[in-house]
C-alpha cells in the first residue's frame, strides 16, 4: 500500500470514528432524556399512589365509623325492643288483673 492510500484509509477511518462519536453522543443525550422522563413519570406515579392511599384511608375510616354507628343502632334497637316487650308484658298483666277483678 502506498502512503496516499494509507492516508485515504486513515481519513475514511477518522470520518467513520467521528460519525460513531456523534451517534454515541446522540444516544447519550437520548438516554439522559429518557431517564429524565422516567424520573418525572415515577414522581407522578408516586404522587398518584399517595393520593390513592389517602383516599383508601379516608374510605376505611368512613367505613369503620359507619360500622360503629350500625353497632350503636343495633344496641339501641335491642334496648328499645326490650322496653317494648316489657311494656307489652306489663299491659298483658294489667289486662289479666282487670279481668280477674271483673270476675
PDB file of N, CA and C in Angstrom:
ATOM      1  N   UNK A   1       0.841  -1.170   0.000  1.00  0.00           N
ATOM      2  CA  UNK A   1       0.000   0.000   0.000  1.00  0.00           C
ATOM      3  C   UNK A   1       0.885   1.232   0.000  1.00  0.00           C
ATOM      4  N   UNK A   2       0.364   2.189  -0.694  1.00  0.00           N
ATOM      5  CA  UNK A   2       1.129   3.430  -0.795  1.00  0.00           C
ATOM      6  C   UNK A   2       0.752   4.336   0.347  1.00  0.00           C
ATOM      7  N   UNK A   3       1.567   5.332   0.518  1.00  0.00           N
ATOM      8  CA  UNK A   3       1.316   6.302   1.578  1.00  0.00           C
ATOM      9  C   UNK A   3       0.010   7.050   1.336  1.00  0.00           C
ATOM     10  N   UNK A   4      -0.291   7.333   0.105  1.00  0.00           N
ATOM     11  CA  UNK A   4      -1.517   8.039  -0.251  1.00  0.00           C
ATOM     12  C   UNK A   4      -2.738   7.185   0.076  1.00  0.00           C
ATOM     13  N   UNK A   5      -2.666   5.895  -0.257  1.00  0.00           N
ATOM     14  CA  UNK A   5      -3.806   5.036   0.045  1.00  0.00           C
ATOM     15  C   UNK A   5      -3.959   4.841   1.547  1.00  0.00           C
ATOM     16  N   UNK A   6      -2.823   4.826   2.274  1.00  0.00           N
ATOM     17  CA  UNK A   6      -2.906   4.731   3.727  1.00  0.00           C
ATOM     18  C   UNK A   6      -3.546   5.978   4.325  1.00  0.00           C
ATOM     19  N   UNK A   7      -3.175   7.154   3.788  1.00  0.00           N
ATOM     20  CA  UNK A   7      -3.782   8.415   4.249  1.00  0.00           C
ATOM     21  C   UNK A   7      -5.279   8.435   3.930  1.00  0.00           C
ATOM     22  N   UNK A   8      -5.659   7.914   2.795  1.00  0.00           N
ATOM     23  CA  UNK A   8      -7.062   7.882   2.389  1.00  0.00           C
ATOM     24  C   UNK A   8      -7.845   6.966   3.334  1.00  0.00           C
ATOM     25  N   UNK A   9      -7.264   5.785   3.635  1.00  0.00           N
ATOM     26  CA  UNK A   9      -7.925   4.861   4.557  1.00  0.00           C
ATOM     27  C   UNK A   9      -8.006   5.472   5.950  1.00  0.00           C
ATOM     28  N   UNK A  10      -6.965   6.167   6.368  1.00  0.00           N
ATOM     29  CA  UNK A  10      -6.962   6.821   7.667  1.00  0.00           C
ATOM     30  C   UNK A  10      -8.030   7.905   7.708  1.00  0.00           C
ATOM     31  N   UNK A  11      -8.165   8.670   6.633  1.00  0.00           N
ATOM     32  CA  UNK A  11      -9.200   9.708   6.567  1.00  0.00           C
ATOM     33  C   UNK A  11     -10.594   9.097   6.664  1.00  0.00           C
ATOM     34  N   UNK A  12     -10.815   7.989   5.940  1.00  0.00           N
ATOM     35  CA  UNK A  12     -12.104   7.303   5.984  1.00  0.00           C
ATOM     36  C   UNK A  12     -12.364   6.794   7.407  1.00  0.00           C
ATOM     37  N   UNK A  13     -11.344   6.193   7.997  1.00  0.00           N
ATOM     38  CA  UNK A  13     -11.483   5.669   9.350  1.00  0.00           C
ATOM     39  C   UNK A  13     -11.766   6.788  10.349  1.00  0.00           C
ATOM     40  N   UNK A  14     -11.068   7.905  10.227  1.00  0.00           N
ATOM     41  CA  UNK A  14     -11.282   9.062  11.110  1.00  0.00           C
ATOM     42  C   UNK A  14     -12.691   9.623  10.910  1.00  0.00           C
ATOM     43  N   UNK A  15     -13.152   9.646   9.687  1.00  0.00           N
ATOM     44  CA  UNK A  15     -14.509  10.129   9.391  1.00  0.00           C
ATOM     45  C   UNK A  15     -15.548   9.194  10.020  1.00  0.00           C
ATOM     46  N   UNK A  16     -15.310   7.887   9.877  1.00  0.00           N
ATOM     47  CA  UNK A  16     -16.220   6.914  10.478  1.00  0.00           C
ATOM     48  C   UNK A  16     -16.213   7.036  12.003  1.00  0.00           C
ATOM     49  N   UNK A  17     -15.037   7.251  12.573  1.00  0.00           N
ATOM     50  CA  UNK A  17     -14.915   7.430  14.015  1.00  0.00           C
ATOM     51  C   UNK A  17     -15.679   8.668  14.468  1.00  0.00           C
ATOM     52  N   UNK A  18     -15.591   9.750  13.736  1.00  0.00           N
ATOM     53  CA  UNK A  18     -16.316  10.989  14.076  1.00  0.00           C
ATOM     54  C   UNK A  18     -17.816  10.747  14.026  1.00  0.00           C
ATOM     55  N   UNK A  19     -18.272  10.012  13.018  1.00  0.00           N
ATOM     56  CA  UNK A  19     -19.705   9.688  12.889  1.00  0.00           C
ATOM     57  C   UNK A  19     -20.146   8.841  14.080  1.00  0.00           C
ATOM     58  N   UNK A  20     -19.324   7.852  14.436  1.00  0.00           N
ATOM     59  CA  UNK A  20     -19.658   6.987  15.565  1.00  0.00           C
ATOM     60  C   UNK A  20     -19.682   7.780  16.870  1.00  0.00           C
ATOM     61  N   UNK A  21     -18.772   8.740  17.027  1.00  0.00           N
ATOM     62  CA  UNK A  21     -18.746   9.565  18.233  1.00  0.00           C
ATOM     63  C   UNK A  21     -20.008  10.432  18.308  1.00  0.00           C
ATOM     64  N   UNK A  22     -20.432  10.983  17.161  1.00  0.00           N
ATOM     65  CA  UNK A  22     -21.670  11.779  17.122  1.00  0.00           C
ATOM     66  C   UNK A  22     -22.875  10.912  17.476  1.00  0.00           C
ATOM     67  N   UNK A  23     -22.911   9.704  16.910  1.00  0.00           N
ATOM     68  CA  UNK A  23     -24.017   8.793  17.217  1.00  0.00           C
ATOM     69  C   UNK A  23     -24.011   8.424  18.703  1.00  0.00           C
ATOM     70  N   UNK A  24     -22.826   8.204  19.241  1.00  0.00           N
ATOM     71  CA  UNK A  24     -22.696   7.871  20.654  1.00  0.00           C
ATOM     72  C   UNK A  24     -23.182   9.037  21.521  1.00  0.00           C
ATOM     73  N   UNK A  25     -22.798  10.256  21.145  1.00  0.00           N
ATOM     74  CA  UNK A  25     -23.239  11.441  21.893  1.00  0.00           C
ATOM     75  C   UNK A  25     -24.757  11.591  21.809  1.00  0.00           C
ATOM     76  N   UNK A  26     -25.337  11.349  20.631  1.00  0.00           N
ATOM     77  CA  UNK A  26     -26.794  11.429  20.466  1.00  0.00           C
ATOM     78  C   UNK A  26     -27.497  10.377  21.334  1.00  0.00           C
ATOM     79  N   UNK A  27     -26.947   9.180  21.336  1.00  0.00           N
ATOM     80  CA  UNK A  27     -27.536   8.121  22.160  1.00  0.00           C
ATOM     81  C   UNK A  27     -27.438   8.483  23.638  1.00  0.00           C
ATOM     82  N   UNK A  28     -26.324   9.080  24.046  1.00  0.00           N
ATOM     83  CA  UNK A  28     -26.168   9.512  25.430  1.00  0.00           C
ATOM     84  C   UNK A  28     -27.208  10.555  25.808  1.00  0.00           C
ATOM     85  N   UNK A  29     -27.438  11.533  24.908  1.00  0.00           N
ATOM     86  CA  UNK A  29     -28.473  12.553  25.175  1.00  0.00           C
ATOM     87  C   UNK A  29     -29.862  11.922  25.253  1.00  0.00           C
ATOM     88  N   UNK A  30     -30.129  10.986  24.348  1.00  0.00           N
ATOM     89  CA  UNK A  30     -31.422  10.302  24.367  1.00  0.00           C
ATOM     90  C   UNK A  30     -31.602   9.512  25.663  1.00  0.00           C
ATOM     91  N   UNK A  31     -30.549   8.886  26.138  1.00  0.00           N
ATOM     92  CA  UNK A  31     -30.630   8.133  27.390  1.00  0.00           C
ATOM     93  C   UNK A  31     -30.922   9.074  28.555  1.00  0.00           C
ATOM     94  N   UNK A  32     -30.226  10.219  28.581  1.00  0.00           N
ATOM     95  CA  UNK A  32     -30.476  11.199  29.651  1.00  0.00           C
ATOM     96  C   UNK A  32     -31.907  11.716  29.596  1.00  0.00           C
ATOM     97  N   UNK A  33     -32.397  11.969  28.389  1.00  0.00           N
ATOM     98  CA  UNK A  33     -33.775  12.445  28.221  1.00  0.00           C
ATOM     99  C   UNK A  33     -34.763  11.372  28.675  1.00  0.00           C
ATOM    100  N   UNK A  34     -34.509  10.130  28.306  1.00  0.00           N
ATOM    101  CA  UNK A  34     -35.373   9.023  28.705  1.00  0.00           C
ATOM    102  C   UNK A  34     -35.364   8.856  30.225  1.00  0.00           C
ATOM    103  N   UNK A  35     -34.175   8.955  30.831  1.00  0.00           N
ATOM    104  CA  UNK A  35     -34.083   8.848  32.289  1.00  0.00           C
ATOM    105  C   UNK A  35     -34.832   9.986  32.962  1.00  0.00           C
ATOM    106  N   UNK A  36     -34.741  11.169  32.382  1.00  0.00           N
ATOM    107  CA  UNK A  36     -35.455  12.320  32.946  1.00  0.00           C
ATOM    108  C   UNK A  36     -36.964  12.101  32.882  1.00  0.00           C
ATOM    109  N   UNK A  37     -37.444  11.626  31.719  1.00  0.00           N
ATOM    110  CA  UNK A  37     -38.883  11.341  31.586  1.00  0.00           C
ATOM    111  C   UNK A  37     -39.305  10.236  32.549  1.00  0.00           C
ATOM    112  N   UNK A  38     -38.469   9.223  32.689  1.00  0.00           N
ATOM    113  CA  UNK A  38     -38.799   8.121  33.606  1.00  0.00           C
ATOM    114  C   UNK A  38     -38.862   8.637  35.040  1.00  0.00           C
ATOM    115  N   UNK A  39     -37.947   9.523  35.384  1.00  0.00           N
ATOM    116  CA  UNK A  39     -37.945  10.086  36.735  1.00  0.00           C
ATOM    117  C   UNK A  39     -39.200  10.914  36.975  1.00  0.00           C
ATOM    118  N   UNK A  40     -39.585  11.716  35.987  1.00  0.00           N
ATOM    119  CA  UNK A  40     -40.815  12.524  36.100  1.00  0.00           C
ATOM    120  C   UNK A  40     -42.023  11.600  36.218  1.00  0.00           C
ATOM    121  N   UNK A  41     -42.061  10.552  35.392  1.00  0.00           N
ATOM    122  CA  UNK A  41     -43.175   9.613  35.448  1.00  0.00           C
ATOM    123  C   UNK A  41     -43.242   8.916  36.805  1.00  0.00           C
ATOM    124  N   UNK A  42     -42.097   8.538  37.348  1.00  0.00           N
ATOM    125  CA  UNK A  42     -42.074   7.887  38.656  1.00  0.00           C
ATOM    126  C   UNK A  42     -42.573   8.844  39.734  1.00  0.00           C
ATOM    127  N   UNK A  43     -42.175  10.113  39.633  1.00  0.00           N
ATOM    128  CA  UNK A  43     -42.641  11.113  40.595  1.00  0.00           C
ATOM    129  C   UNK A  43     -44.152  11.275  40.490  1.00  0.00           C
ATOM    130  N   UNK A  44     -44.663  11.341  39.261  1.00  0.00           N
ATOM    131  CA  UNK A  44     -46.118  11.441  39.058  1.00  0.00           C
ATOM    132  C   UNK A  44     -46.827  10.220  39.619  1.00  0.00           C
ATOM    133  N   UNK A  45     -46.295   9.035  39.325  1.00  0.00           N
ATOM    134  CA  UNK A  45     -46.920   7.803  39.814  1.00  0.00           C
ATOM    135  C   UNK A  45     -46.883   7.730  41.330  1.00  0.00           C
ATOM    136  N   UNK A  46     -45.771   8.161  41.914  1.00  0.00           N
ATOM    137  CA  UNK A  46     -45.673   8.158  43.372  1.00  0.00           C
ATOM    138  C   UNK A  46     -46.719   9.086  43.969  1.00  0.00           C
ATOM    139  N   UNK A  47     -46.900  10.252  43.356  1.00  0.00           N
ATOM    140  CA  UNK A  47     -47.934  11.183  43.824  1.00  0.00           C
ATOM    141  C   UNK A  47     -49.322  10.588  43.706  1.00  0.00           C
ATOM    142  N   UNK A  48     -49.580   9.916  42.603  1.00  0.00           N
ATOM    143  CA  UNK A  48     -50.889   9.290  42.410  1.00  0.00           C
ATOM    144  C   UNK A  48     -51.114   8.181  43.430  1.00  0.00           C
ATOM    145  N   UNK A  49     -50.087   7.396  43.691  1.00  0.00           N
ATOM    146  CA  UNK A  49     -50.205   6.325  44.687  1.00  0.00           C
ATOM    147  C   UNK A  49     -50.484   6.932  46.063  1.00  0.00           C
ATOM    148  N   UNK A  50     -49.784   8.008  46.393  1.00  0.00           N
ATOM    149  CA  UNK A  50     -50.012   8.671  47.681  1.00  0.00           C
ATOM    150  C   UNK A  50     -51.447   9.182  47.787  1.00  0.00           C
ATOM    151  N   UNK A  51     -51.964   9.768  46.702  1.00  0.00           N
ATOM    152  CA  UNK A  51     -53.357  10.247  46.710  1.00  0.00           C
ATOM    153  C   UNK A  51     -54.327   9.086  46.897  1.00  0.00           C
ATOM    154  N   UNK A  52     -54.108   7.998  46.171  1.00  0.00           N
ATOM    155  CA  UNK A  52     -54.988   6.836  46.287  1.00  0.00           C
ATOM    156  C   UNK A  52     -54.913   6.224  47.685  1.00  0.00           C
ATOM    157  N   UNK A  53     -53.723   6.198  48.250  1.00  0.00           N
ATOM    158  CA  UNK A  53     -53.561   5.674  49.607  1.00  0.00           C
ATOM    159  C   UNK A  53     -54.353   6.524  50.593  1.00  0.00           C
ATOM    160  N   UNK A  54     -54.288   7.832  50.422  1.00  0.00           N
ATOM    161  CA  UNK A  54     -55.066   8.734  51.279  1.00  0.00           C
ATOM    162  C   UNK A  54     -56.560   8.514  51.125  1.00  0.00           C
ATOM    163  N   UNK A  55     -57.007   8.320  49.891  1.00  0.00           N
ATOM    164  CA  UNK A  55     -58.430   8.075  49.657  1.00  0.00           C
ATOM    165  C   UNK A  55     -58.872   6.758  50.279  1.00  0.00           C
ATOM    166  N   UNK A  56     -58.022   5.729  50.164  1.00  0.00           N
ATOM    167  CA  UNK A  56     -58.349   4.433  50.763  1.00  0.00           C
ATOM    168  C   UNK A  56     -58.448   4.567  52.283  1.00  0.00           C
ATOM    169  N   UNK A  57     -57.506   5.312  52.874  1.00  0.00           N
ATOM    170  CA  UNK A  57     -57.557   5.516  54.329  1.00  0.00           C
ATOM    171  C   UNK A  57     -58.831   6.241  54.731  1.00  0.00           C
ATOM    172  N   UNK A  58     -59.200   7.279  53.964  1.00  0.00           N
ATOM    173  CA  UNK A  58     -60.412   8.029  54.277  1.00  0.00           C
ATOM    174  C   UNK A  58     -61.648   7.133  54.165  1.00  0.00           C
ATOM    175  N   UNK A  59     -61.705   6.321  53.117  1.00  0.00           N
ATOM    176  CA  UNK A  59     -62.841   5.408  52.944  1.00  0.00           C
ATOM    177  C   UNK A  59     -62.869   4.348  54.043  1.00  0.00           C
ATOM    178  N   UNK A  60     -61.712   3.882  54.446  1.00  0.00           N
ATOM    179  CA  UNK A  60     -61.643   2.901  55.534  1.00  0.00           C
ATOM    180  C   UNK A  60     -62.141   3.520  56.834  1.00  0.00           C
ATOM    181  N   UNK A  61     -61.715   4.754  57.102  1.00  0.00           N
ATOM    182  CA  UNK A  61     -62.183   5.453  58.306  1.00  0.00           C
ATOM    183  C   UNK A  61     -63.695   5.650  58.262  1.00  0.00           C
ATOM    184  N   UNK A  62     -64.206   6.023  57.086  1.00  0.00           N
ATOM    185  CA  UNK A  62     -65.654   6.222  56.931  1.00  0.00           C
ATOM    186  C   UNK A  62     -66.404   4.908  57.140  1.00  0.00           C
ATOM    187  N   UNK A  63     -65.861   3.818  56.583  1.00  0.00           N
ATOM    188  CA  UNK A  63     -66.481   2.501  56.764  1.00  0.00           C
ATOM    189  C   UNK A  63     -66.501   2.112  58.235  1.00  0.00           C
ATOM    190  N   UNK A  64     -65.376   2.339  58.912  1.00  0.00           N
ATOM    191  CA  UNK A  64     -65.292   1.987  60.331  1.00  0.00           C
ATOM    192  C   UNK A  64     -66.290   2.798  61.153  1.00  0.00           C
ATOM    193  N   UNK A  65     -66.427   4.086  60.831  1.00  0.00           N
ATOM    194  CA  UNK A  65     -67.395   4.928  61.544  1.00  0.00           C
ATOM    195  C   UNK A  65     -68.816   4.440  61.277  1.00  0.00           C
ATOM    196  N   UNK A  66     -69.095   4.046  60.043  1.00  0.00           N
ATOM    197  CA  UNK A  66     -70.422   3.532  59.700  1.00  0.00           C
ATOM    198  C   UNK A  66     -70.709   2.236  60.456  1.00  0.00           C
ATOM    199  N   UNK A  67     -69.707   1.368  60.551  1.00  0.00           N
ATOM    200  CA  UNK A  67     -69.888   0.117  61.297  1.00  0.00           C
ATOM    201  C   UNK A  67     -70.121   0.387  62.779  1.00  0.00           C
ATOM    202  N   UNK A  68     -69.395   1.370  63.339  1.00  0.00           N
ATOM    203  CA  UNK A  68     -69.607   1.717  64.753  1.00  0.00           C
ATOM    204  C   UNK A  68     -71.029   2.264  64.944  1.00  0.00           C
ATOM    205  N   UNK A  69     -71.483   3.106  64.016  1.00  0.00           N
ATOM    206  CA  UNK A  69     -72.847   3.637  64.100  1.00  0.00           C
ATOM    207  C   UNK A  69     -73.875   2.523  63.998  1.00  0.00           C
ATOM    208  N   UNK A  70     -73.625   1.571  63.118  1.00  0.00           N
ATOM    209  CA  UNK A  70     -74.540   0.446  62.957  1.00  0.00           C
ATOM    210  C   UNK A  70     -74.621  -0.370  64.241  1.00  0.00           C
ATOM    211  N   UNK A  71     -73.476  -0.635  64.847  1.00  0.00           N
ATOM    212  CA  UNK A  71     -73.471  -1.370  66.115  1.00  0.00           C
ATOM    213  C   UNK A  71     -74.218  -0.600  67.197  1.00  0.00           C
ATOM    214  N   UNK A  72     -74.031   0.704  67.218  1.00  0.00           N
ATOM    215  CA  UNK A  72     -74.725   1.539  68.194  1.00  0.00           C
ATOM    216  C   UNK A  72     -76.239   1.484  67.966  1.00  0.00           C
ATOM    217  N   UNK A  73     -76.647   1.550  66.697  1.00  0.00           N
ATOM    218  CA  UNK A  73     -78.078   1.471  66.375  1.00  0.00           C
ATOM    219  C   UNK A  73     -78.652   0.098  66.734  1.00  0.00           C
ATOM    220  N   UNK A  74     -77.869  -0.946  66.508  1.00  0.00           N
ATOM    221  CA  UNK A  74     -78.336  -2.292  66.881  1.00  0.00           C
ATOM    222  C   UNK A  74     -78.535  -2.394  68.387  1.00  0.00           C
ATOM    223  N   UNK A  75     -77.570  -1.856  69.130  1.00  0.00           N
ATOM    224  CA  UNK A  75     -77.687  -1.895  70.594  1.00  0.00           C
ATOM    225  C   UNK A  75     -78.894  -1.095  71.049  1.00  0.00           C
ATOM    226  N   UNK A  76     -79.084   0.079  70.473  1.00  0.00           N
ATOM    227  CA  UNK A  76     -80.223   0.923  70.826  1.00  0.00           C
ATOM    228  C   UNK A  76     -81.531   0.231  70.463  1.00  0.00           C
ATOM    229  N   UNK A  77     -81.563  -0.407  69.297  1.00  0.00           N
ATOM    230  CA  UNK A  77     -82.755  -1.136  68.859  1.00  0.00           C
ATOM    231  C   UNK A  77     -83.067  -2.278  69.824  1.00  0.00           C
ATOM    232  N   UNK A  78     -82.034  -2.955  70.282  1.00  0.00           N
ATOM    233  CA  UNK A  78     -82.223  -4.052  71.218  1.00  0.00           C
ATOM    234  C   UNK A  78     -82.811  -3.543  72.538  1.00  0.00           C
ATOM    235  N   UNK A  79     -82.309  -2.404  72.994  1.00  0.00           N
ATOM    236  CA  UNK A  79     -82.833  -1.809  74.232  1.00  0.00           C
ATOM    237  C   UNK A  79     -84.294  -1.405  74.057  1.00  0.00           C
ATOM    238  N   UNK A  80     -84.592  -0.757  72.939  1.00  0.00           N
ATOM    239  CA  UNK A  80     -85.981  -0.336  72.671  1.00  0.00           C
ATOM    240  C   UNK A  80     -86.891  -1.555  72.585  1.00  0.00           C
ATOM    241  N   UNK A  81     -86.431  -2.591  71.899  1.00  0.00           N
ATOM    242  CA  UNK A  81     -87.226  -3.818  71.769  1.00  0.00           C
ATOM    243  C   UNK A  81     -87.475  -4.425  73.151  1.00  0.00           C
ATOM    244  N   UNK A  82     -86.456  -4.437  73.978  1.00  0.00           N
ATOM    245  CA  UNK A  82     -86.591  -4.980  75.331  1.00  0.00           C
ATOM    246  C   UNK A  82     -87.619  -4.178  76.125  1.00  0.00           C
ATOM    247  N   UNK A  83     -87.540  -2.837  76.049  1.00  0.00           N
ATOM    248  CA  UNK A  83     -88.516  -1.992  76.749  1.00  0.00           C
ATOM    249  C   UNK A  83     -89.917  -2.208  76.201  1.00  0.00           C
ATOM    250  N   UNK A  84     -90.010  -2.338  74.881  1.00  0.00           N
ATOM    251  CA  UNK A  84     -91.309  -2.550  74.241  1.00  0.00           C
ATOM    252  C   UNK A  84     -91.915  -3.878  74.720  1.00  0.00           C
ATOM    253  N   UNK A  85     -91.078  -4.922  74.744  1.00  0.00           N
ATOM    254  CA  UNK A  85     -91.575  -6.225  75.221  1.00  0.00           C
ATOM    255  C   UNK A  85     -91.987  -6.154  76.687  1.00  0.00           C
ATOM    256  N   UNK A  86     -91.232  -5.405  77.482  1.00  0.00           N
ATOM    257  CA  UNK A  86     -91.576  -5.241  78.896  1.00  0.00           C
ATOM    258  C   UNK A  86     -92.910  -4.521  79.026  1.00  0.00           C
ATOM    259  N   UNK A  87     -93.106  -3.478  78.208  1.00  0.00           N
ATOM    260  CA  UNK A  87     -94.376  -2.746  78.233  1.00  0.00           C
ATOM    261  C   UNK A  87     -95.537  -3.653  77.832  1.00  0.00           C
ATOM    262  N   UNK A  88     -95.344  -4.473  76.814  1.00  0.00           N
ATOM    263  CA  UNK A  88     -96.402  -5.396  76.377  1.00  0.00           C
ATOM    264  C   UNK A  88     -96.719  -6.395  77.490  1.00  0.00           C
ATOM    265  N   UNK A  89     -95.664  -6.928  78.129  1.00  0.00           N
ATOM    266  CA  UNK A  89     -95.873  -7.871  79.231  1.00  0.00           C
ATOM    267  C   UNK A  89     -96.642  -7.199  80.377  1.00  0.00           C
ATOM    268  N   UNK A  90     -96.282  -5.951  80.658  1.00  0.00           N
ATOM    269  CA  UNK A  90     -96.949  -5.218  81.732  1.00  0.00           C
ATOM    270  C   UNK A  90     -98.427  -4.981  81.379  1.00  0.00           C
ATOM    271  N   UNK A  91     -98.688  -4.617  80.120  1.00  0.00           N
ATOM    272  CA  UNK A  91    -100.076  -4.391  79.703  1.00  0.00           C
ATOM    273  C   UNK A  91    -100.864  -5.696  79.756  1.00  0.00           C
ATOM    274  N   UNK A  92    -100.247  -6.788  79.360  1.00  0.00           N
ATOM    275  CA  UNK A  92    -100.931  -8.076  79.414  1.00  0.00           C
ATOM    276  C   UNK A  92    -101.257  -8.437  80.862  1.00  0.00           C
ATOM    277  N   UNK A  93    -100.321  -8.161  81.764  1.00  0.00           N
ATOM    278  CA  UNK A  93    -100.562  -8.421  83.176  1.00  0.00           C
ATOM    279  C   UNK A  93    -101.696  -7.536  83.696  1.00  0.00           C
ATOM    280  N   UNK A  94    -101.694  -6.263  83.286  1.00  0.00           N
ATOM    281  CA  UNK A  94    -102.771  -5.352  83.690  1.00  0.00           C
ATOM    282  C   UNK A  94    -104.123  -5.854  83.186  1.00  0.00           C
ATOM    283  N   UNK A  95    -104.167  -6.346  81.956  1.00  0.00           N
ATOM    284  CA  UNK A  95    -105.421  -6.859  81.388  1.00  0.00           C
ATOM    285  C   UNK A  95    -105.890  -8.072  82.190  1.00  0.00           C
ATOM    286  N   UNK A  96    -104.972  -8.965  82.506  1.00  0.00           N
ATOM    287  CA  UNK A  96    -105.351 -10.154  83.303  1.00  0.00           C
ATOM    288  C   UNK A  96    -105.831  -9.724  84.701  1.00  0.00           C
ATOM    289  N   UNK A  97    -105.153  -8.726  85.253  1.00  0.00           N
ATOM    290  CA  UNK A  97    -105.567  -8.243  86.588  1.00  0.00           C
ATOM    291  C   UNK A  97    -106.969  -7.659  86.503  1.00  0.00           C
ATOM    292  N   UNK A  98    -107.252  -6.869  85.465  1.00  0.00           N
ATOM    293  CA  UNK A  98    -108.592  -6.290  85.316  1.00  0.00           C
ATOM    294  C   UNK A  98    -109.639  -7.371  85.086  1.00  0.00           C
ATOM    295  N   UNK A  99    -109.287  -8.379  84.290  1.00  0.00           N
ATOM    296  CA  UNK A  99    -110.215  -9.481  84.054  1.00  0.00           C
ATOM    297  C   UNK A  99    -110.525 -10.193  85.366  1.00  0.00           C
ATOM    298  N   UNK A 100    -109.471 -10.394  86.165  1.00  0.00           N
ATOM    299  CA  UNK A 100    -109.670 -11.056  87.464  1.00  0.00           C
ATOM    300  C   UNK A 100    -110.558 -10.213  88.350  1.00  0.00           C
ATOM    301  N   UNK A 101    -110.415  -8.909  88.338  1.00  0.00           N
ATOM    302  CA  UNK A 101    -111.232  -8.018  89.174  1.00  0.00           C
ATOM    303  C   UNK A 101    -112.683  -8.020  88.703  1.00  0.00           C
ATOM    304  N   UNK A 102    -112.842  -8.109  87.373  1.00  0.00           N
ATOM    305  CA  UNK A 102    -114.198  -8.079  86.841  1.00  0.00           C
ATOM    306  C   UNK A 102    -114.966  -9.379  87.147  1.00  0.00           C
ATOM    307  N   UNK A 103    -114.324 -10.404  87.458  1.00  0.00           N
ATOM    308  CA  UNK A 103    -114.956 -11.679  87.732  1.00  0.00           C
ATOM    309  C   UNK A 103    -115.458 -11.733  89.125  1.00  0.00           C
TER     310      UNK A 103
END
